[in-house]
Amino acid sequence: MASYHFAVQIIARSKGGNTLKAAAYRAAAKLRDAAGAVHDFSRRRGVVHTEILAPEGSAAFLRDRQQLWSHVEQLEKRRDAQLAREINLALPAELTDAQRLALVRGFIQEQF
């Protein structure tokens, strides 16, 4: 039987949120924050695909994970800043990887 999961959460500074750390973990990457702390999750397994979608005509730096999240951290100064929203979803195993990727891309482009 096909099943799915969909949840949204906020990455908030008031709850200790750090977008660079979160992005590094989700992408299994190595990113450095402005304080010089290195968030290295490059050895993490299980990340099948990573991608940054940005509106057509937007600045090129928005497609670079390090620059994008460094910019967010720099712009949002408030203690209670909501830095990012995370969408966590799981799609049916009956779909191929290509079908799941197409569904997610379509959803993101349509909703955001």
PDB file of N, CA and C in Angstrom:
ATOM      1  N   MET A   1       0.830  -1.164   0.000  1.00  0.00           N
ATOM      2  CA  MET A   1       0.000   0.000   0.000  1.00  0.00           C
ATOM      3  C   MET A   1       0.888   1.246   0.000  1.00  0.00           C
ATOM      4  N   ALA A   2       0.576   2.192  -0.856  1.00  0.00           N
ATOM      5  CA  ALA A   2       1.338   3.435  -0.951  1.00  0.00           C
ATOM      6  C   ALA A   2       1.053   4.311   0.265  1.00  0.00           C
ATOM      7  N   SER A   3       2.100   4.920   0.809  1.00  0.00           N
ATOM      8  CA  SER A   3       1.936   5.847   1.922  1.00  0.00           C
ATOM      9  C   SER A   3       2.922   6.994   1.731  1.00  0.00           C
ATOM     10  N   TYR A   4       2.663   8.082   2.416  1.00  0.00           N
ATOM     11  CA  TYR A   4       3.541   9.232   2.338  1.00  0.00           C
ATOM     12  C   TYR A   4       3.604   9.904   3.700  1.00  0.00           C
ATOM     13  N   HIS A   5       4.533  10.824   3.825  1.00  0.00           N
ATOM     14  CA  HIS A   5       4.710  11.601   5.052  1.00  0.00           C
ATOM     15  C   HIS A   5       4.987  13.034   4.629  1.00  0.00           C
ATOM     16  N   PHE A   6       4.413  14.016   5.335  1.00  0.00           N
ATOM     17  CA  PHE A   6       4.639  15.418   5.033  1.00  0.00           C
ATOM     18  C   PHE A   6       4.625  16.201   6.340  1.00  0.00           C
ATOM     19  N   ALA A   7       5.707  16.915   6.626  1.00  0.00           N
ATOM     20  CA  ALA A   7       5.785  17.743   7.830  1.00  0.00           C
ATOM     21  C   ALA A   7       6.594  18.997   7.516  1.00  0.00           C
ATOM     22  N   VAL A   8       6.219  20.100   8.147  1.00  0.00           N
ATOM     23  CA  VAL A   8       6.922  21.367   7.973  1.00  0.00           C
ATOM     24  C   VAL A   8       7.332  21.859   9.350  1.00  0.00           C
ATOM     25  N   GLN A   9       8.562  22.356   9.450  1.00  0.00           N
ATOM     26  CA  GLN A   9       9.002  22.943  10.705  1.00  0.00           C
ATOM     27  C   GLN A   9       9.819  24.193  10.418  1.00  0.00           C
ATOM     28  N   ILE A  10       9.936  25.042  11.435  1.00  0.00           N
ATOM     29  CA  ILE A  10      10.682  26.292  11.318  1.00  0.00           C
ATOM     30  C   ILE A  10      12.036  26.106  11.972  1.00  0.00           C
ATOM     31  N   ILE A  11      13.073  26.595  11.302  1.00  0.00           N
ATOM     32  CA  ILE A  11      14.401  26.650  11.907  1.00  0.00           C
ATOM     33  C   ILE A  11      14.500  28.060  12.481  1.00  0.00           C
ATOM     34  N   ALA A  12      14.440  28.148  13.806  1.00  0.00           N
ATOM     35  CA  ALA A  12      14.379  29.437  14.492  1.00  0.00           C
ATOM     36  C   ALA A  12      15.607  29.650  15.370  1.00  0.00           C
ATOM     37  N   ARG A  13      16.111  30.864  15.348  1.00  0.00           N
ATOM     38  CA  ARG A  13      17.273  31.197  16.170  1.00  0.00           C
ATOM     39  C   ARG A  13      16.944  31.033  17.653  1.00  0.00           C
ATOM     40  N   SER A  14      15.713  31.354  18.059  1.00  0.00           N
ATOM     41  CA  SER A  14      15.323  31.263  19.472  1.00  0.00           C
ATOM     42  C   SER A  14      15.396  29.834  20.009  1.00  0.00           C
ATOM     43  N   LYS A  15      15.370  28.875  19.113  1.00  0.00           N
ATOM     44  CA  LYS A  15      15.468  27.471  19.527  1.00  0.00           C
ATOM     45  C   LYS A  15      16.839  26.895  19.187  1.00  0.00           C
ATOM     46  N   GLY A  16      17.825  27.786  19.013  1.00  0.00           N
ATOM     47  CA  GLY A  16      19.191  27.351  18.732  1.00  0.00           C
ATOM     48  C   GLY A  16      19.428  26.991  17.284  1.00  0.00           C
ATOM     49  N   GLY A  17      18.519  27.372  16.411  1.00  0.00           N
ATOM     50  CA  GLY A  17      18.643  27.028  15.002  1.00  0.00           C
ATOM     51  C   GLY A  17      19.804  27.733  14.324  1.00  0.00           C
ATOM     52  N   ASN A  18      20.491  27.009  13.478  1.00  0.00           N
ATOM     53  CA  ASN A  18      21.598  27.535  12.689  1.00  0.00           C
ATOM     54  C   ASN A  18      21.408  26.981  11.280  1.00  0.00           C
ATOM     55  N   THR A  19      21.128  27.865  10.330  1.00  0.00           N
ATOM     56  CA  THR A  19      20.824  27.386   8.979  1.00  0.00           C
ATOM     57  C   THR A  19      22.012  26.716   8.306  1.00  0.00           C
ATOM     58  N   LEU A  20      23.220  27.175   8.599  1.00  0.00           N
ATOM     59  CA  LEU A  20      24.393  26.538   7.986  1.00  0.00           C
ATOM     60  C   LEU A  20      24.569  25.111   8.497  1.00  0.00           C
ATOM     61  N   LYS A  21      24.384  24.931   9.788  1.00  0.00           N
ATOM     62  CA  LYS A  21      24.492  23.585  10.358  1.00  0.00           C
ATOM     63  C   LYS A  21      23.387  22.683   9.800  1.00  0.00           C
ATOM     64  N   ALA A  22      22.158  23.213   9.748  1.00  0.00           N
ATOM     65  CA  ALA A  22      21.034  22.435   9.223  1.00  0.00           C
ATOM     66  C   ALA A  22      21.244  22.084   7.753  1.00  0.00           C
ATOM     67  N   ALA A  23      21.706  23.051   6.959  1.00  0.00           N
ATOM     68  CA  ALA A  23      21.931  22.814   5.532  1.00  0.00           C
ATOM     69  C   ALA A  23      23.054  21.803   5.318  1.00  0.00           C
ATOM     70  N   ALA A  24      24.112  21.896   6.102  1.00  0.00           N
ATOM     71  CA  ALA A  24      25.222  20.953   5.988  1.00  0.00           C
ATOM     72  C   ALA A  24      24.744  19.535   6.300  1.00  0.00           C
ATOM     73  N   TYR A  25      23.938  19.400   7.339  1.00  0.00           N
ATOM     74  CA  TYR A  25      23.420  18.078   7.711  1.00  0.00           C
ATOM     75  C   TYR A  25      22.516  17.513   6.623  1.00  0.00           C
ATOM     76  N   ARG A  26      21.553  18.320   6.172  1.00  0.00           N
ATOM     77  CA  ARG A  26      20.589  17.834   5.160  1.00  0.00           C
ATOM     78  C   ARG A  26      21.269  17.464   3.858  1.00  0.00           C
ATOM     79  N   ALA A  27      22.332  18.194   3.484  1.00  0.00           N
ATOM     80  CA  ALA A  27      23.010  17.953   2.207  1.00  0.00           C
ATOM     81  C   ALA A  27      24.231  17.049   2.343  1.00  0.00           C
ATOM     82  N   ALA A  28      24.540  16.606   3.556  1.00  0.00           N
ATOM     83  CA  ALA A  28      25.759  15.822   3.795  1.00  0.00           C
ATOM     84  C   ALA A  28      26.959  16.575   3.239  1.00  0.00           C
ATOM     85  N   ALA A  29      27.087  17.826   3.686  1.00  0.00           N
ATOM     86  CA  ALA A  29      28.127  18.711   3.159  1.00  0.00           C
ATOM     87  C   ALA A  29      28.955  19.290   4.306  1.00  0.00           C
ATOM     88  N   LYS A  30      29.933  20.088   3.933  1.00  0.00           N
ATOM     89  CA  LYS A  30      30.787  20.784   4.894  1.00  0.00           C
ATOM     90  C   LYS A  30      30.616  22.281   4.660  1.00  0.00           C
ATOM     91  N   LEU A  31      30.109  23.000   5.684  1.00  0.00           N
ATOM     92  CA  LEU A  31      29.891  24.436   5.595  1.00  0.00           C
ATOM     93  C   LEU A  31      30.494  25.115   6.816  1.00  0.00           C
ATOM     94  N   ARG A  32      30.926  26.362   6.633  1.00  0.00           N
ATOM     95  CA  ARG A  32      31.546  27.136   7.723  1.00  0.00           C
ATOM     96  C   ARG A  32      30.680  28.361   7.995  1.00  0.00           C
ATOM     97  N   ASP A  33      30.401  28.616   9.278  1.00  0.00           N
ATOM     98  CA  ASP A  33      29.601  29.799   9.603  1.00  0.00           C
ATOM     99  C   ASP A  33      30.504  31.012   9.834  1.00  0.00           C
ATOM    100  N   ALA A  34      29.887  32.175  10.041  1.00  0.00           N
ATOM    101  CA  ALA A  34      30.633  33.431  10.165  1.00  0.00           C
ATOM    102  C   ALA A  34      31.567  33.443  11.371  1.00  0.00           C
ATOM    103  N   ALA A  35      31.231  32.673  12.398  1.00  0.00           N
ATOM    104  CA  ALA A  35      32.078  32.600  13.591  1.00  0.00           C
ATOM    105  C   ALA A  35      33.271  31.678  13.381  1.00  0.00           C
ATOM    106  N   GLY A  36      33.316  31.025  12.227  1.00  0.00           N
ATOM    107  CA  GLY A  36      34.423  30.124  11.915  1.00  0.00           C
ATOM    108  C   GLY A  36      34.172  28.667  12.255  1.00  0.00           C
ATOM    109  N   ALA A  37      33.016  28.380  12.842  1.00  0.00           N
ATOM    110  CA  ALA A  37      32.691  26.990  13.180  1.00  0.00           C
ATOM    111  C   ALA A  37      32.427  26.202  11.894  1.00  0.00           C
ATOM    112  N   VAL A  38      33.006  25.022  11.823  1.00  0.00           N
ATOM    113  CA  VAL A  38      32.826  24.161  10.651  1.00  0.00           C
ATOM    114  C   VAL A  38      31.785  23.111  10.988  1.00  0.00           C
ATOM    115  N   HIS A  39      30.805  22.998  10.117  1.00  0.00           N
ATOM    116  CA  HIS A  39      29.757  21.993  10.262  1.00  0.00           C
ATOM    117  C   HIS A  39      29.998  20.974   9.148  1.00  0.00           C
ATOM    118  N   ASP A  40      30.632  19.870   9.514  1.00  0.00           N
ATOM    119  CA  ASP A  40      31.045  18.884   8.518  1.00  0.00           C
ATOM    120  C   ASP A  40      30.238  17.593   8.661  1.00  0.00           C
ATOM    121  N   PHE A  41      29.318  17.403   7.742  1.00  0.00           N
ATOM    122  CA  PHE A  41      28.517  16.186   7.691  1.00  0.00           C
ATOM    123  C   PHE A  41      28.770  15.454   6.380  1.00  0.00           C
ATOM    124  N   SER A  42      29.941  15.691   5.785  1.00  0.00           N
ATOM    125  CA  SER A  42      30.257  15.124   4.473  1.00  0.00           C
ATOM    126  C   SER A  42      30.362  13.595   4.493  1.00  0.00           C
ATOM    127  N   ARG A  43      30.518  13.006   5.655  1.00  0.00           N
ATOM    128  CA  ARG A  43      30.585  11.536   5.738  1.00  0.00           C
ATOM    129  C   ARG A  43      29.213  10.898   5.960  1.00  0.00           C
ATOM    130  N   ARG A  44      28.205  11.718   6.088  1.00  0.00           N
ATOM    131  CA  ARG A  44      26.845  11.225   6.315  1.00  0.00           C
ATOM    132  C   ARG A  44      26.372  10.424   5.106  1.00  0.00           C
ATOM    133  N   ARG A  45      25.746   9.317   5.359  1.00  0.00           N
ATOM    134  CA  ARG A  45      25.246   8.441   4.294  1.00  0.00           C
ATOM    135  C   ARG A  45      23.737   8.613   4.136  1.00  0.00           C
ATOM    136  N   GLY A  46      23.236   8.211   2.984  1.00  0.00           N
ATOM    137  CA  GLY A  46      21.802   8.173   2.769  1.00  0.00           C
ATOM    138  C   GLY A  46      21.225   9.379   2.052  1.00  0.00           C
ATOM    139  N   VAL A  47      22.028  10.393   1.785  1.00  0.00           N
ATOM    140  CA  VAL A  47      21.528  11.555   1.060  1.00  0.00           C
ATOM    141  C   VAL A  47      21.625  11.224  -0.427  1.00  0.00           C
ATOM    142  N   VAL A  48      20.481  11.082  -1.060  1.00  0.00           N
ATOM    143  CA  VAL A  48      20.415  10.650  -2.456  1.00  0.00           C
ATOM    144  C   VAL A  48      20.536  11.820  -3.420  1.00  0.00           C
ATOM    145  N   HIS A  49      19.955  12.949  -3.048  1.00  0.00           N
ATOM    146  CA  HIS A  49      19.934  14.090  -3.965  1.00  0.00           C
ATOM    147  C   HIS A  49      19.876  15.385  -3.168  1.00  0.00           C
ATOM    148  N   THR A  50      20.617  16.391  -3.598  1.00  0.00           N
ATOM    149  CA  THR A  50      20.510  17.730  -3.027  1.00  0.00           C
ATOM    150  C   THR A  50      20.401  18.725  -4.179  1.00  0.00           C
ATOM    151  N   GLU A  51      19.660  19.771  -3.938  1.00  0.00           N
ATOM    152  CA  GLU A  51      19.448  20.762  -4.983  1.00  0.00           C
ATOM    153  C   GLU A  51      18.901  22.031  -4.345  1.00  0.00           C
ATOM    154  N   ILE A  52      19.283  23.154  -4.889  1.00  0.00           N
ATOM    155  CA  ILE A  52      18.720  24.425  -4.455  1.00  0.00           C
ATOM    156  C   ILE A  52      17.939  24.989  -5.627  1.00  0.00           C
ATOM    157  N   LEU A  53      16.658  25.229  -5.402  1.00  0.00           N
ATOM    158  CA  LEU A  53      15.809  25.834  -6.428  1.00  0.00           C
ATOM    159  C   LEU A  53      15.629  27.305  -6.076  1.00  0.00           C
ATOM    160  N   ALA A  54      15.873  28.156  -7.036  1.00  0.00           N
ATOM    161  CA  ALA A  54      15.711  29.595  -6.845  1.00  0.00           C
ATOM    162  C   ALA A  54      14.907  30.146  -8.020  1.00  0.00           C
ATOM    163  N   PRO A  55      14.192  31.230  -7.786  1.00  0.00           N
ATOM    164  CA  PRO A  55      13.397  31.812  -8.877  1.00  0.00           C
ATOM    165  C   PRO A  55      14.262  32.201 -10.075  1.00  0.00           C
ATOM    166  N   GLU A  56      13.682  32.098 -11.235  1.00  0.00           N
ATOM    167  CA  GLU A  56      14.375  32.491 -12.456  1.00  0.00           C
ATOM    168  C   GLU A  56      14.748  33.967 -12.357  1.00  0.00           C
ATOM    169  N   GLY A  57      15.975  34.296 -12.736  1.00  0.00           N
ATOM    170  CA  GLY A  57      16.438  35.679 -12.697  1.00  0.00           C
ATOM    171  C   GLY A  57      16.983  36.118 -11.350  1.00  0.00           C
ATOM    172  N   SER A  58      16.978  35.224 -10.362  1.00  0.00           N
ATOM    173  CA  SER A  58      17.498  35.600  -9.047  1.00  0.00           C
ATOM    174  C   SER A  58      19.024  35.585  -9.067  1.00  0.00           C
ATOM    175  N   ALA A  59      19.609  36.199  -8.068  1.00  0.00           N
ATOM    176  CA  ALA A  59      21.070  36.285  -7.970  1.00  0.00           C
ATOM    177  C   ALA A  59      21.700  34.887  -7.956  1.00  0.00           C
ATOM    178  N   ALA A  60      22.822  34.763  -8.619  1.00  0.00           N
ATOM    179  CA  ALA A  60      23.506  33.467  -8.743  1.00  0.00           C
ATOM    180  C   ALA A  60      23.926  32.901  -7.382  1.00  0.00           C
ATOM    181  N   PHE A  61      24.276  33.788  -6.433  1.00  0.00           N
ATOM    182  CA  PHE A  61      24.741  33.291  -5.136  1.00  0.00           C
ATOM    183  C   PHE A  61      23.656  32.514  -4.396  1.00  0.00           C
ATOM    184  N   LEU A  62      22.389  32.706  -4.754  1.00  0.00           N
ATOM    185  CA  LEU A  62      21.302  31.985  -4.095  1.00  0.00           C
ATOM    186  C   LEU A  62      21.322  30.496  -4.407  1.00  0.00           C
ATOM    187  N   ARG A  63      22.068  30.101  -5.406  1.00  0.00           N
ATOM    188  CA  ARG A  63      22.166  28.687  -5.771  1.00  0.00           C
ATOM    189  C   ARG A  63      23.393  28.006  -5.140  1.00  0.00           C
ATOM    190  N   ASP A  64      24.134  28.764  -4.371  1.00  0.00           N
ATOM    191  CA  ASP A  64      25.310  28.238  -3.674  1.00  0.00           C
ATOM    192  C   ASP A  64      24.962  28.090  -2.199  1.00  0.00           C
ATOM    193  N   ARG A  65      24.972  26.874  -1.688  1.00  0.00           N
ATOM    194  CA  ARG A  65      24.522  26.577  -0.322  1.00  0.00           C
ATOM    195  C   ARG A  65      25.260  27.411   0.726  1.00  0.00           C
ATOM    196  N   GLN A  66      26.580  27.494   0.639  1.00  0.00           N
ATOM    197  CA  GLN A  66      27.375  28.250   1.613  1.00  0.00           C
ATOM    198  C   GLN A  66      26.984  29.729   1.599  1.00  0.00           C
ATOM    199  N   GLN A  67      26.925  30.318   0.431  1.00  0.00           N
ATOM    200  CA  GLN A  67      26.617  31.745   0.323  1.00  0.00           C
ATOM    201  C   GLN A  67      25.168  32.049   0.717  1.00  0.00           C
ATOM    202  N   LEU A  68      24.247  31.207   0.284  1.00  0.00           N
ATOM    203  CA  LEU A  68      22.831  31.416   0.592  1.00  0.00           C
ATOM    204  C   LEU A  68      22.589  31.470   2.092  1.00  0.00           C
ATOM    205  N   TRP A  69      23.016  30.437   2.809  1.00  0.00           N
ATOM    206  CA  TRP A  69      22.704  30.368   4.235  1.00  0.00           C
ATOM    207  C   TRP A  69      23.563  31.310   5.068  1.00  0.00           C
ATOM    208  N   SER A  70      24.756  31.637   4.604  1.00  0.00           N
ATOM    209  CA  SER A  70      25.559  32.669   5.281  1.00  0.00           C
ATOM    210  C   SER A  70      24.847  34.011   5.184  1.00  0.00           C
ATOM    211  N   HIS A  71      24.275  34.285   4.028  1.00  0.00           N
ATOM    212  CA  HIS A  71      23.536  35.529   3.811  1.00  0.00           C
ATOM    213  C   HIS A  71      22.301  35.596   4.717  1.00  0.00           C
ATOM    214  N   VAL A  72      21.586  34.499   4.833  1.00  0.00           N
ATOM    215  CA  VAL A  72      20.407  34.455   5.710  1.00  0.00           C
ATOM    216  C   VAL A  72      20.825  34.732   7.152  1.00  0.00           C
ATOM    217  N   GLU A  73      21.868  34.063   7.614  1.00  0.00           N
ATOM    218  CA  GLU A  73      22.335  34.254   8.992  1.00  0.00           C
ATOM    219  C   GLU A  73      22.772  35.699   9.232  1.00  0.00           C
ATOM    220  N   GLN A  74      23.378  36.320   8.218  1.00  0.00           N
ATOM    221  CA  GLN A  74      23.856  37.694   8.343  1.00  0.00           C
ATOM    222  C   GLN A  74      22.690  38.692   8.352  1.00  0.00           C
ATOM    223  N   LEU A  75      21.700  38.463   7.517  1.00  0.00           N
ATOM    224  CA  LEU A  75      20.565  39.392   7.411  1.00  0.00           C
ATOM    225  C   LEU A  75      19.642  39.359   8.617  1.00  0.00           C
ATOM    226  N   GLU A  76      19.372  38.180   9.119  1.00  0.00           N
ATOM    227  CA  GLU A  76      18.419  38.025  10.218  1.00  0.00           C
ATOM    228  C   GLU A  76      19.124  38.202  11.552  1.00  0.00           C
ATOM    229  N   LYS A  77      18.991  39.372  12.142  1.00  0.00           N
ATOM    230  CA  LYS A  77      19.711  39.715  13.374  1.00  0.00           C
ATOM    231  C   LYS A  77      18.932  39.415  14.659  1.00  0.00           C
ATOM    232  N   ARG A  78      17.628  39.360  14.569  1.00  0.00           N
ATOM    233  CA  ARG A  78      16.804  39.232  15.771  1.00  0.00           C
ATOM    234  C   ARG A  78      17.003  37.895  16.476  1.00  0.00           C
ATOM    235  N   ARG A  79      16.864  37.915  17.787  1.00  0.00           N
ATOM    236  CA  ARG A  79      16.967  36.682  18.590  1.00  0.00           C
ATOM    237  C   ARG A  79      15.866  35.699  18.249  1.00  0.00           C
ATOM    238  N   ASP A  80      14.703  36.231  17.859  1.00  0.00           N
ATOM    239  CA  ASP A  80      13.557  35.371  17.574  1.00  0.00           C
ATOM    240  C   ASP A  80      13.339  35.170  16.066  1.00  0.00           C
ATOM    241  N   ALA A  81      14.382  35.364  15.276  1.00  0.00           N
ATOM    242  CA  ALA A  81      14.274  35.234  13.818  1.00  0.00           C
ATOM    243  C   ALA A  81      13.877  33.820  13.407  1.00  0.00           C
ATOM    244  N   GLN A  82      12.985  33.755  12.445  1.00  0.00           N
ATOM    245  CA  GLN A  82      12.641  32.482  11.810  1.00  0.00           C
ATOM    246  C   GLN A  82      13.489  32.412  10.545  1.00  0.00           C
ATOM    247  N   LEU A  83      14.551  31.648  10.601  1.00  0.00           N
ATOM    248  CA  LEU A  83      15.566  31.662   9.564  1.00  0.00           C
ATOM    249  C   LEU A  83      15.174  30.881   8.310  1.00  0.00           C
ATOM    250  N   ALA A  84      14.477  29.793   8.493  1.00  0.00           N
ATOM    251  CA  ALA A  84      14.133  28.946   7.347  1.00  0.00           C
ATOM    252  C   ALA A  84      12.960  28.052   7.717  1.00  0.00           C
ATOM    253  N   ARG A  85      12.381  27.484   6.700  1.00  0.00           N
ATOM    254  CA  ARG A  85      11.350  26.466   6.888  1.00  0.00           C
ATOM    255  C   ARG A  85      11.864  25.190   6.253  1.00  0.00           C
ATOM    256  N   GLU A  86      11.652  24.113   6.936  1.00  0.00           N
ATOM    257  CA  GLU A  86      12.088  22.811   6.429  1.00  0.00           C
ATOM    258  C   GLU A  86      10.856  21.980   6.109  1.00  0.00           C
ATOM    259  N   ILE A  87      10.866  21.409   4.926  1.00  0.00           N
ATOM    260  CA  ILE A  87       9.792  20.504   4.522  1.00  0.00           C
ATOM    261  C   ILE A  87      10.378  19.105   4.499  1.00  0.00           C
ATOM    262  N   ASN A  88       9.782  18.227   5.267  1.00  0.00           N
ATOM    263  CA  ASN A  88      10.224  16.838   5.347  1.00  0.00           C
ATOM    264  C   ASN A  88       9.127  15.978   4.750  1.00  0.00           C
ATOM    265  N   LEU A  89       9.472  15.247   3.704  1.00  0.00           N
ATOM    266  CA  LEU A  89       8.455  14.393   3.112  1.00  0.00           C
ATOM    267  C   LEU A  89       9.044  13.085   2.631  1.00  0.00           C
ATOM    268  N   ALA A  90       8.207  12.098   2.646  1.00  0.00           N
ATOM    269  CA  ALA A  90       8.553  10.771   2.135  1.00  0.00           C
ATOM    270  C   ALA A  90       7.449  10.383   1.167  1.00  0.00           C
ATOM    271  N   LEU A  91       7.847   9.934   0.011  1.00  0.00           N
ATOM    272  CA  LEU A  91       6.879   9.566  -1.021  1.00  0.00           C
ATOM    273  C   LEU A  91       6.860   8.053  -1.193  1.00  0.00           C
ATOM    274  N   PRO A  92       5.809   7.522  -1.780  1.00  0.00           N
ATOM    275  CA  PRO A  92       5.657   6.069  -1.890  1.00  0.00           C
ATOM    276  C   PRO A  92       6.836   5.374  -2.585  1.00  0.00           C
ATOM    277  N   ALA A  93       7.184   4.227  -2.060  1.00  0.00           N
ATOM    278  CA  ALA A  93       8.262   3.422  -2.639  1.00  0.00           C
ATOM    279  C   ALA A  93       7.888   2.893  -4.017  1.00  0.00           C
ATOM    280  N   GLU A  94       6.607   2.895  -4.324  1.00  0.00           N
ATOM    281  CA  GLU A  94       6.155   2.413  -5.631  1.00  0.00           C
ATOM    282  C   GLU A  94       6.586   3.344  -6.768  1.00  0.00           C
ATOM    283  N   LEU A  95       6.937   4.576  -6.434  1.00  0.00           N
ATOM    284  CA  LEU A  95       7.413   5.527  -7.441  1.00  0.00           C
ATOM    285  C   LEU A  95       8.912   5.339  -7.652  1.00  0.00           C
ATOM    286  N   THR A  96       9.380   5.646  -8.847  1.00  0.00           N
ATOM    287  CA  THR A  96      10.824   5.593  -9.110  1.00  0.00           C
ATOM    288  C   THR A  96      11.470   6.844  -8.522  1.00  0.00           C
ATOM    289  N   ASP A  97      12.800   6.821  -8.415  1.00  0.00           N
ATOM    290  CA  ASP A  97      13.516   8.003  -7.924  1.00  0.00           C
ATOM    291  C   ASP A  97      13.216   9.211  -8.801  1.00  0.00           C
ATOM    292  N   ALA A  98      13.192   9.008 -10.106  1.00  0.00           N
ATOM    293  CA  ALA A  98      12.919  10.105 -11.038  1.00  0.00           C
ATOM    294  C   ALA A  98      11.507  10.662 -10.849  1.00  0.00           C
ATOM    295  N   GLN A  99      10.545   9.804 -10.593  1.00  0.00           N
ATOM    296  CA  GLN A  99       9.174  10.258 -10.368  1.00  0.00           C
ATOM    297  C   GLN A  99       9.062  11.058  -9.067  1.00  0.00           C
ATOM    298  N   ARG A 100       9.731  10.576  -8.028  1.00  0.00           N
ATOM    299  CA  ARG A 100       9.710  11.297  -6.746  1.00  0.00           C
ATOM    300  C   ARG A 100      10.361  12.666  -6.891  1.00  0.00           C
ATOM    301  N   LEU A 101      11.482  12.723  -7.586  1.00  0.00           N
ATOM    302  CA  LEU A 101      12.171  13.997  -7.795  1.00  0.00           C
ATOM    303  C   LEU A 101      11.303  14.963  -8.598  1.00  0.00           C
ATOM    304  N   ALA A 102      10.657  14.479  -9.618  1.00  0.00           N
ATOM    305  CA  ALA A 102       9.770  15.323 -10.435  1.00  0.00           C
ATOM    306  C   ALA A 102       8.599  15.846  -9.603  1.00  0.00           C
ATOM    307  N   LEU A 103       8.045  15.015  -8.734  1.00  0.00           N
ATOM    308  CA  LEU A 103       6.946  15.449  -7.860  1.00  0.00           C
ATOM    309  C   LEU A 103       7.394  16.553  -6.910  1.00  0.00           C
ATOM    310  N   VAL A 104       8.549  16.383  -6.308  1.00  0.00           N
ATOM    311  CA  VAL A 104       9.048  17.378  -5.358  1.00  0.00           C
ATOM    312  C   VAL A 104       9.357  18.688  -6.076  1.00  0.00           C
ATOM    313  N   ARG A 105      10.048  18.614  -7.200  1.00  0.00           N
ATOM    314  CA  ARG A 105      10.347  19.837  -7.957  1.00  0.00           C
ATOM    315  C   ARG A 105       9.062  20.557  -8.354  1.00  0.00           C
ATOM    316  N   GLY A 106       8.100  19.815  -8.856  1.00  0.00           N
ATOM    317  CA  GLY A 106       6.821  20.409  -9.253  1.00  0.00           C
ATOM    318  C   GLY A 106       6.126  21.084  -8.094  1.00  0.00           C
ATOM    319  N   PHE A 107       6.118  20.413  -6.938  1.00  0.00           N
ATOM    320  CA  PHE A 107       5.485  20.973  -5.740  1.00  0.00           C
ATOM    321  C   PHE A 107       6.174  22.271  -5.328  1.00  0.00           C
ATOM    322  N   ILE A 108       7.497  22.259  -5.275  1.00  0.00           N
ATOM    323  CA  ILE A 108       8.261  23.448  -4.851  1.00  0.00           C
ATOM    324  C   ILE A 108       8.018  24.605  -5.817  1.00  0.00           C
ATOM    325  N   GLN A 109       8.089  24.331  -7.099  1.00  0.00           N
ATOM    326  CA  GLN A 109       7.893  25.398  -8.093  1.00  0.00           C
ATOM    327  C   GLN A 109       6.476  25.952  -8.049  1.00  0.00           C
ATOM    328  N   GLU A 110       5.510  25.103  -7.797  1.00  0.00           N
ATOM    329  CA  GLU A 110       4.113  25.529  -7.759  1.00  0.00           C
ATOM    330  C   GLU A 110       3.786  26.307  -6.479  1.00  0.00           C
ATOM    331  N   GLN A 111       4.305  25.859  -5.352  1.00  0.00           N
ATOM    332  CA  GLN A 111       3.929  26.442  -4.062  1.00  0.00           C
ATOM    333  C   GLN A 111       4.801  27.606  -3.625  1.00  0.00           C
ATOM    334  N   PHE A 112       6.049  27.623  -4.076  1.00  0.00           N
ATOM    335  CA  PHE A 112       6.973  28.649  -3.576  1.00  0.00           C
ATOM    336  C   PHE A 112       7.502  29.505  -4.683  1.00  0.00           C
TER     337      PHE A 112
END
